[in-house]
N, C-alpha and C. Protein backbone atom coordinates (compact mmCIF):
# COMPACT_ATOMS: atom_id res chain seq x y z
N MET A 1 0.84 -1.17 0.00
CA MET A 1 0.00 0.00 0.00
C MET A 1 0.89 1.23 0.00
N ASP A 2 0.41 2.28 -0.64
CA ASP A 2 1.18 3.52 -0.76
C ASP A 2 0.62 4.56 0.21
N PRO A 3 1.27 4.79 1.36
CA PRO A 3 0.75 5.75 2.33
C PRO A 3 0.67 7.18 1.79
N ASN A 4 1.39 7.50 0.72
CA ASN A 4 1.29 8.83 0.12
C ASN A 4 -0.07 9.09 -0.50
N THR A 5 -0.83 8.03 -0.78
CA THR A 5 -2.16 8.19 -1.37
C THR A 5 -3.27 8.10 -0.32
N ALA A 6 -2.91 7.83 0.93
CA ALA A 6 -3.89 7.53 1.96
C ALA A 6 -4.59 8.75 2.52
N GLN A 7 -5.86 8.57 2.82
CA GLN A 7 -6.61 9.57 3.56
C GLN A 7 -6.01 9.62 4.97
N SER A 8 -6.03 10.78 5.60
CA SER A 8 -5.27 10.99 6.83
C SER A 8 -5.78 10.24 8.06
N ASN A 9 -6.93 9.57 7.98
CA ASN A 9 -7.42 8.78 9.11
C ASN A 9 -6.99 7.32 9.05
N LEU A 10 -6.10 6.98 8.16
CA LEU A 10 -5.69 5.59 8.03
C LEU A 10 -4.33 5.35 8.65
N LYS A 11 -4.19 4.16 9.25
CA LYS A 11 -2.88 3.76 9.76
C LYS A 11 -2.52 2.42 9.15
N PHE A 12 -1.22 2.13 9.10
CA PHE A 12 -0.70 0.98 8.38
C PHE A 12 0.19 0.13 9.26
N SER A 13 0.30 -1.14 8.89
CA SER A 13 1.29 -2.01 9.51
C SER A 13 2.66 -1.57 9.01
N GLU A 14 3.68 -1.98 9.70
CA GLU A 14 5.05 -1.61 9.32
C GLU A 14 5.39 -2.08 7.91
N GLU A 15 4.84 -3.23 7.51
CA GLU A 15 5.13 -3.79 6.18
C GLU A 15 4.28 -3.16 5.08
N LEU A 16 3.34 -2.28 5.45
CA LEU A 16 2.41 -1.63 4.52
C LEU A 16 1.51 -2.64 3.80
N THR A 17 1.13 -3.70 4.54
CA THR A 17 0.23 -4.70 3.98
C THR A 17 -1.11 -4.75 4.70
N CYS A 18 -1.28 -3.92 5.71
CA CYS A 18 -2.51 -3.90 6.50
C CYS A 18 -2.89 -2.45 6.77
N VAL A 19 -4.19 -2.12 6.61
CA VAL A 19 -4.66 -0.74 6.80
C VAL A 19 -5.94 -0.76 7.62
N GLN A 20 -6.11 0.27 8.48
CA GLN A 20 -7.36 0.44 9.20
C GLN A 20 -7.52 1.88 9.63
N TYR A 21 -8.75 2.21 10.02
CA TYR A 21 -9.10 3.55 10.47
C TYR A 21 -8.38 3.85 11.77
N SER A 22 -7.99 5.11 11.95
CA SER A 22 -7.33 5.56 13.16
C SER A 22 -7.69 7.02 13.38
N THR A 23 -7.09 7.62 14.37
CA THR A 23 -7.30 9.05 14.58
C THR A 23 -6.59 9.84 13.50
N LYS A 24 -7.10 11.00 13.22
CA LYS A 24 -6.57 11.83 12.14
C LYS A 24 -5.13 12.25 12.42
N LYS A 25 -4.31 12.17 11.40
CA LYS A 25 -2.92 12.58 11.49
C LYS A 25 -2.72 13.80 10.60
N LEU A 26 -1.75 14.60 10.93
CA LEU A 26 -1.41 15.72 10.07
C LEU A 26 -0.45 15.23 9.01
N LEU A 27 -0.94 15.13 7.80
CA LEU A 27 -0.13 14.66 6.68
C LEU A 27 -0.04 15.75 5.63
N PRO A 28 1.04 15.78 4.89
CA PRO A 28 1.11 16.76 3.81
C PRO A 28 0.02 16.49 2.77
N ASP A 29 -0.55 17.53 2.23
CA ASP A 29 -1.60 17.39 1.21
C ASP A 29 -0.95 17.27 -0.16
N ASN A 30 -0.32 16.11 -0.40
CA ASN A 30 0.34 15.91 -1.68
C ASN A 30 -0.69 15.59 -2.76
N PRO A 31 -0.35 15.76 -4.01
CA PRO A 31 -1.32 15.58 -5.11
C PRO A 31 -1.92 14.18 -5.19
N GLU A 32 -1.18 13.15 -4.80
CA GLU A 32 -1.70 11.79 -4.92
C GLU A 32 -2.58 11.37 -3.75
N CYS A 33 -2.68 12.18 -2.70
CA CYS A 33 -3.45 11.87 -1.50
C CYS A 33 -4.96 11.93 -1.77
N CYS A 34 -5.67 10.91 -1.29
CA CYS A 34 -7.14 10.87 -1.38
C CYS A 34 -7.70 11.51 -0.12
N THR A 35 -8.15 12.76 -0.21
CA THR A 35 -8.58 13.47 0.99
C THR A 35 -10.06 13.30 1.32
N LYS A 36 -10.92 13.02 0.36
CA LYS A 36 -12.36 12.94 0.60
C LYS A 36 -12.91 11.52 0.67
N GLN A 37 -12.07 10.52 0.56
CA GLN A 37 -12.52 9.14 0.64
C GLN A 37 -11.57 8.36 1.53
N LEU A 38 -12.11 7.53 2.37
CA LEU A 38 -11.32 6.76 3.31
C LEU A 38 -10.73 5.57 2.57
N CYS A 39 -9.57 5.79 1.93
CA CYS A 39 -8.97 4.73 1.14
C CYS A 39 -7.47 4.96 1.00
N VAL A 40 -6.82 3.94 0.48
CA VAL A 40 -5.41 3.99 0.11
C VAL A 40 -5.28 3.19 -1.18
N LEU A 41 -4.35 3.60 -2.03
CA LEU A 41 -4.09 2.88 -3.27
C LEU A 41 -2.86 2.00 -3.10
N GLY A 42 -2.75 1.02 -3.97
CA GLY A 42 -1.57 0.16 -3.97
C GLY A 42 -0.34 0.92 -4.42
N ASP A 43 0.82 0.42 -4.04
CA ASP A 43 2.07 1.11 -4.42
C ASP A 43 2.55 0.73 -5.81
N THR A 44 1.86 -0.20 -6.46
CA THR A 44 2.22 -0.62 -7.81
C THR A 44 1.05 -0.34 -8.75
N SER A 45 1.37 0.16 -9.93
CA SER A 45 0.33 0.40 -10.93
C SER A 45 0.53 -0.55 -12.10
N PHE A 46 -0.52 -0.67 -12.92
CA PHE A 46 -0.49 -1.62 -14.03
C PHE A 46 -0.99 -0.95 -15.31
N THR A 47 -0.31 -1.22 -16.42
CA THR A 47 -0.75 -0.73 -17.73
C THR A 47 -0.89 -1.87 -18.74
N SER A 48 -0.64 -3.09 -18.29
CA SER A 48 -0.83 -4.27 -19.14
C SER A 48 -0.67 -5.51 -18.28
N GLY A 49 -1.03 -6.65 -18.85
CA GLY A 49 -0.79 -7.92 -18.19
C GLY A 49 -1.85 -8.36 -17.21
N LYS A 50 -1.55 -9.51 -16.56
CA LYS A 50 -2.43 -10.11 -15.56
C LYS A 50 -1.79 -9.96 -14.19
N HIS A 51 -2.61 -9.60 -13.21
CA HIS A 51 -2.12 -9.37 -11.85
C HIS A 51 -3.19 -9.82 -10.87
N SER A 52 -2.78 -10.25 -9.68
CA SER A 52 -3.76 -10.62 -8.66
C SER A 52 -3.19 -10.39 -7.27
N TRP A 53 -4.08 -10.19 -6.33
CA TRP A 53 -3.72 -10.07 -4.91
C TRP A 53 -4.91 -10.57 -4.11
N THR A 54 -4.61 -11.04 -2.91
CA THR A 54 -5.63 -11.63 -2.05
C THR A 54 -5.68 -10.88 -0.73
N LEU A 55 -6.90 -10.60 -0.29
CA LEU A 55 -7.11 -9.97 1.01
C LEU A 55 -7.62 -11.02 1.98
N ASP A 56 -7.05 -11.01 3.18
CA ASP A 56 -7.35 -12.00 4.20
C ASP A 56 -8.37 -11.47 5.19
N ASP A 57 -9.17 -12.36 5.74
CA ASP A 57 -10.12 -12.07 6.82
C ASP A 57 -11.00 -10.87 6.48
N VAL A 58 -11.66 -10.95 5.33
CA VAL A 58 -12.55 -9.86 4.91
C VAL A 58 -13.93 -10.00 5.54
N GLN A 59 -13.99 -10.65 6.69
CA GLN A 59 -15.25 -10.80 7.40
C GLN A 59 -15.51 -9.61 8.31
N VAL A 60 -14.75 -8.54 8.14
CA VAL A 60 -14.97 -7.33 8.92
C VAL A 60 -16.29 -6.70 8.52
N LYS A 61 -16.69 -5.70 9.20
CA LYS A 61 -18.03 -5.11 9.07
C LYS A 61 -18.27 -4.38 7.73
N ASP A 62 -17.36 -3.53 7.32
CA ASP A 62 -17.52 -2.74 6.10
C ASP A 62 -16.17 -2.59 5.39
N TRP A 63 -16.17 -2.66 4.07
CA TRP A 63 -14.97 -2.42 3.29
C TRP A 63 -15.33 -2.26 1.81
N TYR A 64 -14.39 -1.72 1.05
CA TYR A 64 -14.46 -1.66 -0.41
C TYR A 64 -13.08 -2.03 -0.94
N ILE A 65 -13.03 -2.93 -1.90
CA ILE A 65 -11.77 -3.32 -2.52
C ILE A 65 -11.94 -3.40 -4.03
N GLY A 66 -10.84 -3.25 -4.75
CA GLY A 66 -10.88 -3.37 -6.20
C GLY A 66 -9.74 -2.62 -6.84
N ILE A 67 -10.07 -1.92 -7.93
CA ILE A 67 -9.06 -1.15 -8.66
C ILE A 67 -9.62 0.23 -9.00
N VAL A 68 -8.70 1.15 -9.27
CA VAL A 68 -9.08 2.50 -9.71
C VAL A 68 -8.12 2.93 -10.81
N GLN A 69 -8.61 3.85 -11.64
CA GLN A 69 -7.71 4.42 -12.64
C GLN A 69 -6.96 5.60 -12.03
N GLU A 70 -5.82 5.92 -12.60
CA GLU A 70 -4.95 6.95 -12.04
C GLU A 70 -5.62 8.31 -11.93
N SER A 71 -6.51 8.65 -12.85
CA SER A 71 -7.08 9.99 -12.90
C SER A 71 -8.29 10.21 -11.99
N ILE A 72 -8.56 9.30 -11.03
CA ILE A 72 -9.71 9.51 -10.15
C ILE A 72 -9.57 10.85 -9.43
N ARG A 73 -10.72 11.44 -9.11
CA ARG A 73 -10.70 12.67 -8.32
C ARG A 73 -10.32 12.30 -6.90
N ARG A 74 -9.26 12.90 -6.40
CA ARG A 74 -8.74 12.55 -5.08
C ARG A 74 -9.05 13.60 -4.02
N LYS A 75 -9.47 14.78 -4.44
CA LYS A 75 -9.69 15.88 -3.50
C LYS A 75 -11.16 16.25 -3.34
N SER A 76 -12.06 15.50 -3.98
CA SER A 76 -13.49 15.78 -3.87
C SER A 76 -14.25 14.47 -3.76
N ALA A 77 -15.49 14.55 -3.32
CA ALA A 77 -16.32 13.35 -3.17
C ALA A 77 -16.58 12.71 -4.53
N VAL A 78 -16.64 11.39 -4.54
CA VAL A 78 -16.89 10.65 -5.77
C VAL A 78 -17.87 9.52 -5.50
N PHE A 79 -18.46 9.00 -6.58
CA PHE A 79 -19.25 7.78 -6.51
C PHE A 79 -18.31 6.64 -6.88
N LEU A 80 -18.35 5.57 -6.13
CA LEU A 80 -17.48 4.43 -6.41
C LEU A 80 -18.11 3.58 -7.50
N ASN A 81 -17.92 4.00 -8.76
CA ASN A 81 -18.42 3.21 -9.88
C ASN A 81 -17.51 3.42 -11.09
N PRO A 82 -17.63 2.57 -12.10
CA PRO A 82 -16.74 2.67 -13.25
C PRO A 82 -16.76 4.02 -13.97
N THR A 83 -17.88 4.71 -13.96
CA THR A 83 -17.95 6.03 -14.60
C THR A 83 -16.94 6.99 -13.97
N GLU A 84 -16.70 6.83 -12.67
CA GLU A 84 -15.76 7.69 -11.94
C GLU A 84 -14.36 7.08 -11.87
N GLY A 85 -14.16 5.89 -12.49
CA GLY A 85 -12.85 5.25 -12.51
C GLY A 85 -12.62 4.25 -11.39
N PHE A 86 -13.70 3.72 -10.80
CA PHE A 86 -13.61 2.74 -9.72
C PHE A 86 -14.29 1.45 -10.16
N TRP A 87 -13.60 0.33 -10.02
CA TRP A 87 -14.18 -0.99 -10.25
C TRP A 87 -14.00 -1.73 -8.92
N VAL A 88 -14.99 -1.60 -8.03
CA VAL A 88 -14.85 -2.12 -6.67
C VAL A 88 -16.11 -2.86 -6.24
N ILE A 89 -15.92 -3.75 -5.27
CA ILE A 89 -17.04 -4.37 -4.57
C ILE A 89 -16.91 -3.98 -3.10
N GLY A 90 -18.01 -4.15 -2.36
CA GLY A 90 -17.96 -3.78 -0.95
C GLY A 90 -18.89 -4.59 -0.10
N LEU A 91 -18.61 -4.57 1.19
CA LEU A 91 -19.46 -5.16 2.20
C LEU A 91 -20.02 -4.03 3.04
N CYS A 92 -21.33 -3.99 3.20
CA CYS A 92 -21.99 -2.95 3.98
C CYS A 92 -22.73 -3.56 5.16
N ASN A 93 -22.59 -2.96 6.32
CA ASN A 93 -23.27 -3.40 7.54
C ASN A 93 -23.02 -4.86 7.90
N GLY A 94 -21.90 -5.39 7.46
CA GLY A 94 -21.52 -6.74 7.84
C GLY A 94 -22.25 -7.87 7.15
N ASN A 95 -23.24 -7.56 6.28
CA ASN A 95 -23.99 -8.66 5.68
C ASN A 95 -24.50 -8.41 4.27
N SER A 96 -24.21 -7.28 3.70
CA SER A 96 -24.75 -6.94 2.39
C SER A 96 -23.61 -6.64 1.42
N PHE A 97 -23.44 -7.51 0.42
CA PHE A 97 -22.35 -7.37 -0.55
C PHE A 97 -22.86 -6.66 -1.79
N TRP A 98 -22.07 -5.73 -2.31
CA TRP A 98 -22.46 -4.92 -3.47
C TRP A 98 -21.32 -4.78 -4.45
N ALA A 99 -21.65 -4.85 -5.74
CA ALA A 99 -20.73 -4.42 -6.79
C ALA A 99 -21.08 -2.97 -7.05
N GLN A 100 -20.10 -2.10 -7.03
CA GLN A 100 -20.34 -0.66 -7.16
C GLN A 100 -20.48 -0.30 -8.64
N THR A 101 -21.55 -0.80 -9.23
CA THR A 101 -21.91 -0.44 -10.60
C THR A 101 -22.81 0.78 -10.51
N SER A 102 -23.36 1.22 -11.63
CA SER A 102 -24.26 2.37 -11.60
C SER A 102 -25.59 1.98 -12.22
N PRO A 103 -26.64 1.71 -11.43
CA PRO A 103 -26.71 1.73 -9.96
C PRO A 103 -26.03 0.50 -9.38
N PRO A 104 -25.75 0.51 -8.05
CA PRO A 104 -25.07 -0.64 -7.42
C PRO A 104 -25.85 -1.94 -7.61
N THR A 105 -25.11 -3.05 -7.71
CA THR A 105 -25.69 -4.37 -7.90
C THR A 105 -25.49 -5.19 -6.62
N LYS A 106 -26.59 -5.67 -6.03
CA LYS A 106 -26.49 -6.51 -4.84
C LYS A 106 -25.97 -7.88 -5.26
N LEU A 107 -24.98 -8.39 -4.52
CA LEU A 107 -24.39 -9.68 -4.82
C LEU A 107 -24.95 -10.73 -3.87
N ALA A 108 -25.41 -11.84 -4.44
CA ALA A 108 -25.97 -12.93 -3.63
C ALA A 108 -24.88 -13.96 -3.38
N LEU A 109 -24.33 -13.95 -2.16
CA LEU A 109 -23.29 -14.90 -1.79
C LEU A 109 -23.88 -15.92 -0.83
N LYS A 110 -23.54 -17.19 -1.06
CA LYS A 110 -24.02 -18.25 -0.17
C LYS A 110 -23.27 -18.23 1.16
N HIS A 111 -22.00 -17.85 1.11
CA HIS A 111 -21.15 -17.84 2.29
C HIS A 111 -20.41 -16.51 2.38
N LYS A 112 -20.21 -16.04 3.58
CA LYS A 112 -19.41 -14.83 3.78
C LYS A 112 -17.95 -15.21 3.56
N PRO A 113 -17.28 -14.58 2.60
CA PRO A 113 -15.92 -14.99 2.28
C PRO A 113 -14.92 -14.64 3.38
N GLY A 114 -13.94 -15.50 3.56
CA GLY A 114 -12.85 -15.22 4.49
C GLY A 114 -11.70 -14.52 3.77
N ARG A 115 -11.51 -14.90 2.52
CA ARG A 115 -10.48 -14.29 1.67
C ARG A 115 -11.12 -13.95 0.33
N ILE A 116 -10.66 -12.85 -0.24
CA ILE A 116 -11.11 -12.49 -1.59
C ILE A 116 -9.87 -12.18 -2.42
N THR A 117 -9.83 -12.77 -3.60
CA THR A 117 -8.76 -12.50 -4.55
C THR A 117 -9.29 -11.56 -5.63
N VAL A 118 -8.51 -10.55 -5.94
CA VAL A 118 -8.82 -9.62 -7.03
C VAL A 118 -7.90 -10.00 -8.18
N GLU A 119 -8.49 -10.34 -9.33
CA GLU A 119 -7.71 -10.69 -10.52
C GLU A 119 -7.96 -9.64 -11.59
N LEU A 120 -6.90 -8.97 -12.01
CA LEU A 120 -6.96 -7.96 -13.06
C LEU A 120 -6.32 -8.50 -14.32
N ASP A 121 -7.06 -8.47 -15.42
CA ASP A 121 -6.50 -8.75 -16.74
C ASP A 121 -6.64 -7.44 -17.51
N TYR A 122 -5.61 -6.63 -17.46
CA TYR A 122 -5.66 -5.28 -18.05
C TYR A 122 -5.98 -5.34 -19.54
N ASP A 123 -5.29 -6.22 -20.25
CA ASP A 123 -5.42 -6.28 -21.70
C ASP A 123 -6.82 -6.72 -22.15
N LYS A 124 -7.47 -7.57 -21.38
CA LYS A 124 -8.83 -8.01 -21.71
C LYS A 124 -9.89 -7.14 -21.05
N GLY A 125 -9.48 -6.17 -20.22
CA GLY A 125 -10.44 -5.27 -19.58
C GLY A 125 -11.32 -5.96 -18.57
N LYS A 126 -10.73 -6.87 -17.77
CA LYS A 126 -11.53 -7.63 -16.81
C LYS A 126 -10.96 -7.50 -15.40
N VAL A 127 -11.88 -7.35 -14.44
CA VAL A 127 -11.53 -7.43 -13.03
C VAL A 127 -12.48 -8.45 -12.43
N VAL A 128 -11.92 -9.51 -11.85
CA VAL A 128 -12.72 -10.59 -11.29
C VAL A 128 -12.44 -10.68 -9.80
N PHE A 129 -13.51 -10.79 -9.01
CA PHE A 129 -13.41 -10.95 -7.56
C PHE A 129 -13.80 -12.38 -7.24
N ILE A 130 -12.92 -13.09 -6.52
CA ILE A 130 -13.10 -14.53 -6.29
C ILE A 130 -12.97 -14.82 -4.79
N SER A 131 -13.88 -15.68 -4.30
CA SER A 131 -13.74 -16.21 -2.94
C SER A 131 -13.65 -17.72 -3.04
N ALA A 132 -13.01 -18.33 -2.06
CA ALA A 132 -12.89 -19.80 -2.07
C ALA A 132 -14.27 -20.45 -1.95
N ALA A 133 -15.17 -19.83 -1.20
CA ALA A 133 -16.48 -20.43 -0.96
C ALA A 133 -17.43 -20.31 -2.16
N ASP A 134 -17.47 -19.15 -2.78
CA ASP A 134 -18.44 -18.92 -3.85
C ASP A 134 -17.82 -18.82 -5.24
N LEU A 135 -16.52 -19.03 -5.32
CA LEU A 135 -15.78 -18.86 -6.57
C LEU A 135 -15.94 -17.43 -7.07
N THR A 136 -16.37 -17.21 -8.30
CA THR A 136 -16.46 -15.85 -8.81
C THR A 136 -17.61 -15.11 -8.15
N ILE A 137 -17.28 -14.00 -7.50
CA ILE A 137 -18.27 -13.16 -6.83
C ILE A 137 -18.86 -12.17 -7.83
N HIS A 138 -17.97 -11.52 -8.59
CA HIS A 138 -18.42 -10.52 -9.56
C HIS A 138 -17.30 -10.27 -10.57
N THR A 139 -17.69 -9.93 -11.79
CA THR A 139 -16.73 -9.58 -12.84
C THR A 139 -17.14 -8.25 -13.45
N PHE A 140 -16.17 -7.34 -13.52
CA PHE A 140 -16.35 -6.10 -14.27
C PHE A 140 -15.65 -6.28 -15.60
N LYS A 141 -16.28 -5.79 -16.67
CA LYS A 141 -15.64 -5.78 -17.99
C LYS A 141 -15.68 -4.35 -18.50
N ASP A 142 -14.54 -3.87 -18.92
CA ASP A 142 -14.42 -2.48 -19.38
C ASP A 142 -13.20 -2.38 -20.27
N ARG A 143 -12.88 -1.18 -20.66
CA ARG A 143 -11.67 -0.93 -21.45
C ARG A 143 -10.81 0.02 -20.65
N PHE A 144 -9.61 -0.43 -20.27
CA PHE A 144 -8.71 0.40 -19.49
C PHE A 144 -7.79 1.16 -20.43
N THR A 145 -7.64 2.44 -20.17
CA THR A 145 -6.84 3.29 -21.06
C THR A 145 -5.74 4.05 -20.31
N GLU A 146 -5.64 3.82 -19.03
CA GLU A 146 -4.59 4.50 -18.25
C GLU A 146 -4.12 3.58 -17.13
N ARG A 147 -3.18 4.07 -16.35
CA ARG A 147 -2.65 3.26 -15.25
C ARG A 147 -3.74 2.91 -14.26
N ILE A 148 -3.67 1.67 -13.76
CA ILE A 148 -4.63 1.14 -12.80
C ILE A 148 -3.90 0.83 -11.50
N PHE A 149 -4.55 1.14 -10.37
CA PHE A 149 -3.99 0.88 -9.04
C PHE A 149 -4.94 0.03 -8.22
N PRO A 150 -4.41 -0.85 -7.37
CA PRO A 150 -5.28 -1.51 -6.39
C PRO A 150 -5.89 -0.47 -5.44
N HIS A 151 -7.12 -0.73 -4.97
CA HIS A 151 -7.85 0.19 -4.09
C HIS A 151 -8.29 -0.57 -2.84
N PHE A 152 -8.03 0.03 -1.67
CA PHE A 152 -8.38 -0.58 -0.39
C PHE A 152 -9.07 0.46 0.48
N SER A 153 -10.24 0.12 1.01
CA SER A 153 -10.97 1.05 1.87
C SER A 153 -11.57 0.30 3.06
N PRO A 154 -10.96 0.46 4.24
CA PRO A 154 -11.57 -0.13 5.44
C PRO A 154 -12.64 0.83 5.95
N ALA A 155 -13.82 0.72 5.45
CA ALA A 155 -14.88 1.68 5.76
C ALA A 155 -15.18 1.71 7.26
N LEU A 156 -15.80 2.79 7.69
CA LEU A 156 -16.13 3.00 9.09
C LEU A 156 -17.42 2.30 9.47
N TYR A 157 -17.57 2.03 10.72
CA TYR A 157 -18.84 1.57 11.26
C TYR A 157 -18.92 1.99 12.72
N ASN A 158 -20.06 1.79 13.33
CA ASN A 158 -20.29 2.15 14.72
C ASN A 158 -20.03 3.63 14.96
N GLU A 159 -20.81 4.45 14.30
CA GLU A 159 -20.75 5.91 14.46
C GLU A 159 -19.36 6.48 14.17
N GLU A 160 -18.72 5.95 13.15
CA GLU A 160 -17.42 6.44 12.69
C GLU A 160 -16.33 6.34 13.75
N LYS A 161 -16.43 5.35 14.63
CA LYS A 161 -15.42 5.20 15.67
C LYS A 161 -14.57 3.96 15.49
N ASN A 162 -15.04 2.98 14.74
CA ASN A 162 -14.33 1.72 14.63
C ASN A 162 -14.11 1.30 13.19
N SER A 163 -13.11 0.50 13.01
CA SER A 163 -12.81 -0.09 11.72
C SER A 163 -11.99 -1.34 11.97
N SER A 164 -12.18 -2.34 11.16
CA SER A 164 -11.34 -3.52 11.22
C SER A 164 -10.34 -3.43 10.09
N PRO A 165 -9.19 -4.04 10.26
CA PRO A 165 -8.15 -3.91 9.24
C PRO A 165 -8.44 -4.71 7.97
N LEU A 166 -7.91 -4.21 6.87
CA LEU A 166 -7.84 -4.96 5.61
C LEU A 166 -6.39 -5.38 5.46
N THR A 167 -6.16 -6.66 5.19
CA THR A 167 -4.81 -7.19 5.14
C THR A 167 -4.57 -7.92 3.83
N ILE A 168 -3.48 -7.56 3.15
CA ILE A 168 -3.07 -8.26 1.93
C ILE A 168 -2.28 -9.49 2.35
N CYS A 169 -2.65 -10.65 1.80
CA CYS A 169 -1.94 -11.89 2.11
C CYS A 169 -0.56 -11.86 1.47
N PRO A 170 0.42 -12.45 2.16
CA PRO A 170 1.74 -12.55 1.53
C PRO A 170 1.67 -13.48 0.33
N LEU A 171 2.48 -13.20 -0.65
CA LEU A 171 2.54 -14.03 -1.85
C LEU A 171 3.25 -15.33 -1.51
N ILE A 172 2.61 -16.44 -1.81
CA ILE A 172 3.20 -17.75 -1.56
C ILE A 172 3.55 -18.37 -2.90
N ILE A 173 4.80 -18.70 -3.04
CA ILE A 173 5.28 -19.32 -4.28
C ILE A 173 5.65 -20.76 -3.97
N THR A 174 5.11 -21.66 -4.74
CA THR A 174 5.39 -23.08 -4.56
C THR A 174 6.18 -23.58 -5.76
N VAL A 175 7.26 -24.28 -5.47
CA VAL A 175 8.08 -24.84 -6.53
C VAL A 175 8.02 -26.35 -6.40
N ALA A 176 7.67 -27.02 -7.47
CA ALA A 176 7.63 -28.47 -7.49
C ALA A 176 8.85 -28.99 -8.24
N VAL A 177 9.56 -29.86 -7.60
CA VAL A 177 10.74 -30.47 -8.22
C VAL A 177 10.37 -31.88 -8.65
N VAL A 178 10.59 -32.18 -9.92
CA VAL A 178 10.27 -33.49 -10.46
C VAL A 178 11.58 -34.19 -10.78
N TYR A 179 11.74 -35.37 -10.20
CA TYR A 179 12.94 -36.15 -10.44
C TYR A 179 12.65 -37.20 -11.51
N SER A 180 13.60 -37.39 -12.36
CA SER A 180 13.44 -38.38 -13.42
C SER A 180 14.48 -39.47 -13.19
N HIS A 181 14.04 -40.71 -13.19
CA HIS A 181 14.94 -41.85 -13.05
C HIS A 181 15.22 -42.40 -14.44
N THR A 182 16.43 -42.17 -14.92
CA THR A 182 16.77 -42.71 -16.24
C THR A 182 18.01 -43.54 -16.16
């Protein structure tokens, strides 16, 4: 996660892989900072190829995750939908899942996901949200024409006093060694 893009009420783990709401900090108002939305962008952007990341323990009360285009409005209020450069899904009030389309689309999930993987195929214009329990949760299809960033928003709940963290899972690489007897 890129703390330079973060709204000033967010705090991060030392590794910059976990974010949650905190008390307001005095941060410089740099151009990349999102001042009107409680979010942070990923520290890596994409202009081609396939990419994915997984968020752990997304059973928290409220959140929004997905991708955004570089030119999103960062200093004024926005609607989280593709028209504004956001391709995100969210959990509201701990039990209502939504794809932030215009108008929003309610998602019918059989199980509350513990982990969600975001898969971006920039060249095909696809963003797919996947859980182990329900497989594909939602797919956005669009045409990307600029840099894309991961988007993380640990939304507020309980009268804007509490938030649970959003955590990116570490990348696990498995190598299989095959021995041949000749």
